[in-house]
Amino acid sequence: MPTRNDQKRRLEVGLGSLALEENVPLAPMTTFRIGGPADFLVRVRTSDELERAVSTARANQIPWFLLGHGANILVADAGFRGLVIRCELDGIEFLEHDRVRAGAGVAMYPDLINETLIRGLGGLHHFVGIPSTVGGALWQNLHFLAPDRQRTFFIEEVLASAEILTEEGERKTVDVDYFEFEYDHSVLHHRSDIVLSATFALAKEPVDELRKVVRSNLEWRDDRHPDLWLYPSVGSIFKKIDGIGAGRLIDECGLKGHSQGAAGIFHRHANIIVNHGGATASEVRALIDLARDTVARETGHELMTEISFVGDFR
């Protein structure tokens, strides 16, 4: 692997006019507000810029990571050794037949959802309040359990197509089947394809009815999920277990409210860990290990994390 100085020179040559930043703190770019610096960071605002950044890193064998809103990741205290590519691909375009196309870096909420609401287009409104970009929504098959708990809505239900940059370096448009969606999973978990934009097929609905659902969903989230301004977090830490929630298992083991340093298991939802101010990734990992070990010992269930771990945690 090339030295850091060599990496810098090669990146500057490959990125051309794109500004390369060094030693950039990543904590402010995540919803957890945790994590050390990246050796290098570049912000990309077009598909061409994103393709150039990725191809430069790949050609020079420089580790790289694509960062959106940082809503489902824990960055190591040591940071990331390599290049972080900050995806800022924007643009919202309304098409014929009640379709909307949005760049991978567009915020699902409030930006995209609000734009569809004012036009009386339903489908994306179910995901109100969830901090995700369009690209992140496809990566994890964004989902929301309705307040009546009778139905879970998935982003795959409204996805019509997406433009991607494949791991082979080819740009292509794919349909929803390409993503092999499952709960909290897509093909992007095991292929390094990158979403450039997505097109959603929506449906005309009365604005009053859409806003009623939005209010109900936001109230439900407010009762259970932390306010990210007060309690930075990444939402659910562990994957859903069929027939029983991970949060319920952790709660039954008496761990709700338990703290490790400045990190704590949220007092309203035991499957969420929050940053009380100045928490470290090591403290969060200690709580994750505590919850996993305790649940396994006392209930026999194995908890699996659904968040991504970025950087060196050794």
Protein backbone atom coordinates (compact mmCIF):
# COMPACT_ATOMS: atom_id res chain seq x y z
CA MET A 1 0.00 0.00 0.00
CA PRO A 2 1.40 3.45 -0.86
CA THR A 3 2.50 5.74 1.98
CA ARG A 4 0.25 8.59 3.07
CA ASN A 5 2.33 11.16 1.16
CA ASP A 6 2.17 8.95 -1.92
CA GLN A 7 -1.57 8.61 -1.47
CA LYS A 8 -1.94 12.38 -1.29
CA ARG A 9 0.04 12.95 -4.48
CA ARG A 10 -1.86 10.28 -6.38
CA LEU A 11 -5.23 11.55 -5.18
CA GLU A 12 -4.41 15.13 -6.15
CA VAL A 13 -3.45 14.02 -9.64
CA GLY A 14 -6.52 11.82 -10.10
CA LEU A 15 -9.03 14.24 -8.58
CA GLY A 16 -7.85 17.17 -10.66
CA SER A 17 -9.86 20.26 -9.78
CA LEU A 18 -11.70 18.58 -6.89
CA ALA A 19 -10.55 19.88 -3.51
CA LEU A 20 -8.80 17.30 -1.36
CA GLU A 21 -9.09 17.90 2.41
CA GLU A 22 -6.79 16.35 5.02
CA ASN A 23 -7.36 15.22 8.62
CA VAL A 24 -11.07 15.92 8.50
CA PRO A 25 -13.09 15.14 11.67
CA LEU A 26 -15.87 12.71 10.78
CA ALA A 27 -17.91 12.96 13.99
CA PRO A 28 -19.80 16.11 12.84
CA MET A 29 -20.76 14.29 9.63
CA THR A 30 -22.56 11.47 11.45
CA THR A 31 -25.81 11.38 13.43
CA PHE A 32 -23.89 9.73 16.31
CA ARG A 33 -21.43 12.66 16.50
CA ILE A 34 -18.70 10.10 17.19
CA GLY A 35 -15.49 9.22 15.39
CA GLY A 36 -11.96 10.32 14.58
CA PRO A 37 -10.63 11.99 11.44
CA ALA A 38 -10.30 10.79 7.87
CA ASP A 39 -6.86 11.02 6.32
CA PHE A 40 -8.47 12.53 3.24
CA LEU A 41 -11.92 13.72 2.23
CA VAL A 42 -13.38 14.91 -1.05
CA ARG A 43 -16.88 16.29 -1.60
CA VAL A 44 -18.59 15.25 -4.81
CA ARG A 45 -21.65 17.02 -6.20
CA THR A 46 -22.12 15.38 -9.61
CA SER A 47 -22.10 11.84 -10.95
CA ASP A 48 -18.94 12.59 -12.92
CA GLU A 49 -17.15 13.81 -9.79
CA LEU A 50 -18.23 10.74 -7.85
CA GLU A 51 -17.05 8.43 -10.60
CA ARG A 52 -13.69 10.26 -10.75
CA ALA A 53 -13.18 9.99 -6.99
CA VAL A 54 -14.03 6.30 -6.86
CA SER A 55 -11.95 5.38 -9.91
CA THR A 56 -8.97 7.32 -8.53
CA ALA A 57 -9.11 5.50 -5.20
CA ARG A 58 -9.56 2.12 -6.86
CA ALA A 59 -6.78 2.66 -9.40
CA ASN A 60 -4.32 3.62 -6.66
CA GLN A 61 -5.43 0.93 -4.19
CA ILE A 62 -6.35 3.54 -1.60
CA PRO A 63 -9.02 2.47 0.92
CA TRP A 64 -12.16 4.54 0.47
CA PHE A 65 -15.56 4.95 2.02
CA LEU A 66 -18.70 6.62 0.67
CA LEU A 67 -20.40 8.87 3.23
CA GLY A 68 -23.89 10.34 3.02
CA HIS A 69 -25.53 11.70 6.16
CA GLY A 70 -23.74 9.20 8.37
CA ALA A 71 -27.04 7.94 9.76
CA ASN A 72 -26.31 4.25 10.17
CA ILE A 73 -22.59 4.10 10.97
CA LEU A 74 -20.19 4.13 13.88
CA VAL A 75 -16.78 5.63 13.05
CA ALA A 76 -13.79 4.37 15.03
CA ASP A 77 -12.08 6.70 17.49
CA ALA A 78 -8.95 6.40 15.34
CA GLY A 79 -10.89 7.59 12.30
CA PHE A 80 -10.47 6.26 8.77
CA ARG A 81 -7.16 5.62 7.06
CA GLY A 82 -7.81 6.47 3.44
CA LEU A 83 -10.25 8.56 1.41
CA VAL A 84 -13.78 9.44 2.50
CA ILE A 85 -15.97 10.47 -0.43
CA ARG A 86 -18.77 12.74 0.80
CA CYS A 87 -21.75 12.23 -1.51
CA GLU A 88 -23.56 15.52 -2.09
CA LEU A 89 -25.35 14.62 -5.32
CA ASP A 90 -28.48 16.76 -5.29
CA GLY A 91 -31.38 17.52 -7.61
CA ILE A 92 -35.08 16.68 -7.44
CA GLU A 93 -36.94 16.34 -10.75
CA PHE A 94 -40.64 15.54 -11.14
CA LEU A 95 -41.40 13.41 -14.18
CA GLU A 96 -44.48 12.17 -15.99
CA HIS A 97 -46.79 9.57 -14.48
CA ASP A 98 -46.27 10.79 -10.89
CA ARG A 99 -42.62 9.86 -10.77
CA VAL A 100 -39.79 11.75 -9.10
CA ARG A 101 -36.05 11.40 -9.62
CA ALA A 102 -33.60 12.47 -6.92
CA GLY A 103 -29.83 12.51 -6.55
CA ALA A 104 -28.24 10.02 -4.17
CA GLY A 105 -27.22 12.76 -1.75
CA VAL A 106 -30.69 14.29 -1.38
CA ALA A 107 -32.12 14.05 2.16
CA MET A 108 -35.21 11.87 2.23
CA TYR A 109 -36.58 14.05 5.01
CA PRO A 110 -37.31 16.88 4.95
CA ASP A 111 -36.19 17.72 1.41
CA LEU A 112 -37.59 15.00 -0.84
CA ILE A 113 -40.62 14.06 1.25
CA ASN A 114 -41.71 17.69 1.65
CA GLU A 115 -41.47 18.27 -2.11
CA THR A 116 -43.70 15.26 -2.79
CA LEU A 117 -46.19 16.26 -0.08
CA ILE A 118 -46.89 19.70 -1.50
CA ARG A 119 -47.65 18.07 -4.85
CA GLY A 120 -50.06 15.57 -3.33
CA LEU A 121 -47.88 12.56 -4.15
CA GLY A 122 -47.93 9.67 -1.69
CA GLY A 123 -45.52 6.81 -1.12
CA LEU A 124 -42.45 8.41 0.41
CA HIS A 125 -44.40 10.12 3.19
CA HIS A 126 -44.33 6.95 5.29
CA PHE A 127 -40.59 7.46 5.91
CA VAL A 128 -40.94 10.91 7.46
CA GLY A 129 -38.50 11.67 10.27
CA ILE A 130 -35.91 9.07 9.28
CA PRO A 131 -32.46 10.66 8.70
CA SER A 132 -31.35 9.14 5.41
CA THR A 133 -30.20 10.18 1.98
CA VAL A 134 -31.69 8.64 -1.14
CA GLY A 135 -28.58 6.51 -1.61
CA GLY A 136 -28.70 5.35 2.00
CA ALA A 137 -32.39 4.49 1.67
CA LEU A 138 -31.61 2.05 -1.12
CA TRP A 139 -28.54 0.66 0.63
CA GLN A 140 -30.57 -0.50 3.64
CA ASN A 141 -34.02 -0.87 2.08
CA LEU A 142 -35.36 1.94 4.26
CA HIS A 143 -38.42 0.85 6.22
CA PHE A 144 -40.92 2.12 8.75
CA LEU A 145 -43.28 0.17 10.98
CA ALA A 146 -46.68 1.87 10.94
CA PRO A 147 -47.90 3.14 14.34
CA ASP A 148 -50.68 0.53 14.34
CA ARG A 149 -47.90 -2.11 13.98
CA GLN A 150 -49.94 -3.88 11.29
CA ARG A 151 -47.67 -3.03 8.38
CA THR A 152 -44.04 -2.24 7.60
CA PHE A 153 -43.40 0.01 4.61
CA PHE A 154 -40.24 -0.56 2.55
CA ILE A 155 -38.54 1.75 0.05
CA GLU A 156 -38.54 -1.09 -2.49
CA GLU A 157 -42.31 -0.68 -2.78
CA VAL A 158 -41.98 2.71 -4.45
CA LEU A 159 -38.62 2.37 -6.21
CA ALA A 160 -39.00 2.28 -10.00
CA SER A 161 -35.37 2.42 -11.11
CA ALA A 162 -31.95 3.75 -10.21
CA GLU A 163 -28.84 4.91 -11.98
CA ILE A 164 -25.78 3.23 -10.48
CA LEU A 165 -22.03 3.07 -10.92
CA THR A 166 -21.18 -0.62 -10.78
CA GLU A 167 -18.15 -2.05 -9.02
CA GLU A 168 -16.81 -2.75 -12.52
CA GLY A 169 -16.92 1.00 -13.27
CA GLU A 170 -19.96 0.94 -15.60
CA ARG A 171 -22.85 3.38 -15.37
CA LYS A 172 -26.20 1.71 -15.88
CA THR A 173 -29.88 2.04 -15.05
CA VAL A 174 -31.36 -0.86 -13.11
CA ASP A 175 -34.82 -1.77 -11.86
CA VAL A 176 -35.94 -2.63 -8.36
CA ASP A 177 -35.20 -6.36 -8.76
CA TYR A 178 -31.50 -5.64 -9.19
CA PHE A 179 -31.18 -4.66 -5.54
CA GLU A 180 -32.30 -8.04 -4.13
CA PHE A 181 -34.00 -6.25 -1.26
CA GLU A 182 -34.60 -7.93 2.07
CA TYR A 183 -35.19 -6.57 5.56
CA ASP A 184 -32.30 -4.15 6.27
CA HIS A 185 -30.45 -5.52 3.25
CA SER A 186 -29.74 -4.97 -0.43
CA VAL A 187 -27.24 -6.13 -3.03
CA LEU A 188 -25.18 -3.05 -2.11
CA HIS A 189 -24.09 -4.86 1.06
CA HIS A 190 -21.99 -7.31 -0.92
CA ARG A 191 -21.34 -5.43 -4.16
CA SER A 192 -19.55 -2.08 -4.19
CA ASP A 193 -22.03 -0.56 -6.62
CA ILE A 194 -22.91 3.08 -5.92
CA VAL A 195 -26.30 4.74 -6.34
CA LEU A 196 -26.14 7.94 -8.38
CA SER A 197 -29.87 8.70 -8.47
CA ALA A 198 -33.19 6.96 -7.91
CA THR A 199 -36.62 7.28 -9.51
CA PHE A 200 -39.70 6.63 -7.39
CA ALA A 201 -43.20 5.76 -8.61
CA LEU A 202 -45.70 7.64 -6.43
CA ALA A 203 -49.47 8.05 -6.43
CA LYS A 204 -51.85 11.00 -6.20
CA GLU A 205 -53.43 11.31 -2.76
CA PRO A 206 -55.27 14.11 -0.93
CA VAL A 207 -52.74 16.37 0.75
CA ASP A 208 -54.77 16.37 3.99
CA GLU A 209 -54.61 12.57 4.15
CA LEU A 210 -50.86 12.58 3.50
CA ARG A 211 -50.26 15.13 6.25
CA LYS A 212 -52.40 13.11 8.65
CA VAL A 213 -50.13 10.09 8.14
CA VAL A 214 -47.05 12.28 8.49
CA ARG A 215 -48.26 13.70 11.81
CA SER A 216 -49.10 10.24 13.13
CA ASN A 217 -45.72 8.81 12.13
CA LEU A 218 -43.80 11.74 13.62
CA GLU A 219 -45.72 11.48 16.90
CA TRP A 220 -45.00 7.75 17.05
CA ARG A 221 -41.27 8.34 16.44
CA ASP A 222 -41.11 11.18 18.96
CA ASP A 223 -42.51 8.88 21.67
CA ARG A 224 -39.89 6.18 21.07
CA HIS A 225 -36.87 7.63 19.33
CA PRO A 226 -34.40 10.20 20.66
CA ASP A 227 -34.27 13.76 19.41
CA LEU A 228 -30.98 13.73 17.50
CA TRP A 229 -30.17 17.26 18.65
CA LEU A 230 -30.33 16.16 22.29
CA TYR A 231 -29.32 12.51 21.98
CA PRO A 232 -27.19 11.81 18.90
CA SER A 233 -27.68 8.21 17.79
CA VAL A 234 -27.95 5.92 14.78
CA GLY A 235 -31.35 4.44 15.50
CA SER A 236 -31.63 0.69 16.00
CA ILE A 237 -28.33 -1.02 16.76
CA PHE A 238 -29.41 -4.65 16.33
CA LYS A 239 -31.39 -6.36 13.59
CA LYS A 240 -34.96 -7.42 14.10
CA ILE A 241 -35.50 -10.93 15.41
CA ASP A 242 -38.61 -12.67 14.08
CA GLY A 243 -41.37 -12.74 16.65
CA ILE A 244 -39.53 -10.66 19.24
CA GLY A 245 -37.79 -7.30 19.07
CA ALA A 246 -34.13 -6.87 19.99
CA GLY A 247 -35.10 -3.90 22.16
CA ARG A 248 -37.53 -6.00 24.13
CA LEU A 249 -34.87 -8.63 24.81
CA ILE A 250 -32.38 -6.01 25.98
CA ASP A 251 -35.05 -4.40 28.17
CA GLU A 252 -35.99 -7.76 29.73
CA CYS A 253 -32.34 -8.18 30.69
CA GLY A 254 -32.52 -4.94 32.66
CA LEU A 255 -30.15 -2.95 30.48
CA LYS A 256 -32.40 -0.04 29.48
CA GLY A 257 -30.74 3.15 30.73
CA HIS A 258 -27.38 1.45 31.34
CA SER A 259 -24.36 3.67 30.60
CA GLN A 260 -20.74 3.20 29.62
CA GLY A 261 -18.93 6.50 29.93
CA ALA A 262 -20.90 9.07 27.95
CA ALA A 263 -22.75 6.43 25.89
CA GLY A 264 -26.02 5.02 27.13
CA ILE A 265 -28.79 2.60 26.20
CA PHE A 266 -31.75 4.92 25.59
CA HIS A 267 -34.27 5.03 28.40
CA ARG A 268 -37.24 4.81 26.01
CA HIS A 269 -35.97 2.25 23.50
CA ALA A 270 -33.43 -0.38 24.52
CA ASN A 271 -32.29 -1.06 20.94
CA ILE A 272 -30.94 2.48 20.64
CA ILE A 273 -27.65 3.74 22.06
CA VAL A 274 -27.28 7.50 22.50
CA ASN A 275 -24.38 9.89 22.88
CA HIS A 276 -24.87 11.92 26.06
CA GLY A 277 -22.04 14.22 25.02
CA GLY A 278 -18.47 13.29 24.21
CA ALA A 279 -19.08 9.55 23.90
CA THR A 280 -16.42 7.47 22.17
CA ALA A 281 -16.78 4.64 19.70
CA SER A 282 -15.09 2.37 22.23
CA GLU A 283 -17.80 3.14 24.78
CA VAL A 284 -20.51 2.38 22.25
CA ARG A 285 -18.81 -0.90 21.33
CA ALA A 286 -18.65 -1.82 25.01
CA LEU A 287 -22.42 -1.34 25.31
CA ILE A 288 -23.01 -3.34 22.15
CA ASP A 289 -20.92 -6.21 23.51
CA LEU A 290 -22.68 -5.99 26.90
CA ALA A 291 -26.13 -6.18 25.31
CA ARG A 292 -25.17 -9.01 22.96
CA ASP A 293 -23.46 -11.09 25.67
CA THR A 294 -26.19 -10.53 28.26
CA VAL A 295 -29.05 -11.37 25.89
CA ALA A 296 -27.25 -14.52 24.70
CA ARG A 297 -26.57 -15.67 28.24
CA GLU A 298 -30.01 -14.94 29.68
CA THR A 299 -32.32 -15.64 26.73
CA GLY A 300 -30.38 -17.78 24.26
CA HIS A 301 -31.01 -15.29 21.43
CA GLU A 302 -28.11 -14.00 19.32
CA LEU A 303 -28.23 -10.29 18.50
CA MET A 304 -26.75 -9.16 15.17
CA THR A 305 -25.79 -5.53 14.54
CA GLU A 306 -27.39 -3.71 11.64
CA ILE A 307 -25.10 -0.65 11.66
CA SER A 308 -21.81 -0.36 9.78
CA PHE A 309 -18.46 0.02 11.54
CA VAL A 310 -16.08 2.38 9.74
CA GLY A 311 -12.35 2.49 10.44
CA ASP A 312 -10.01 0.43 12.61
CA PHE A 313 -11.63 -0.91 15.80
CA ARG A 314 -8.73 -3.11 16.85
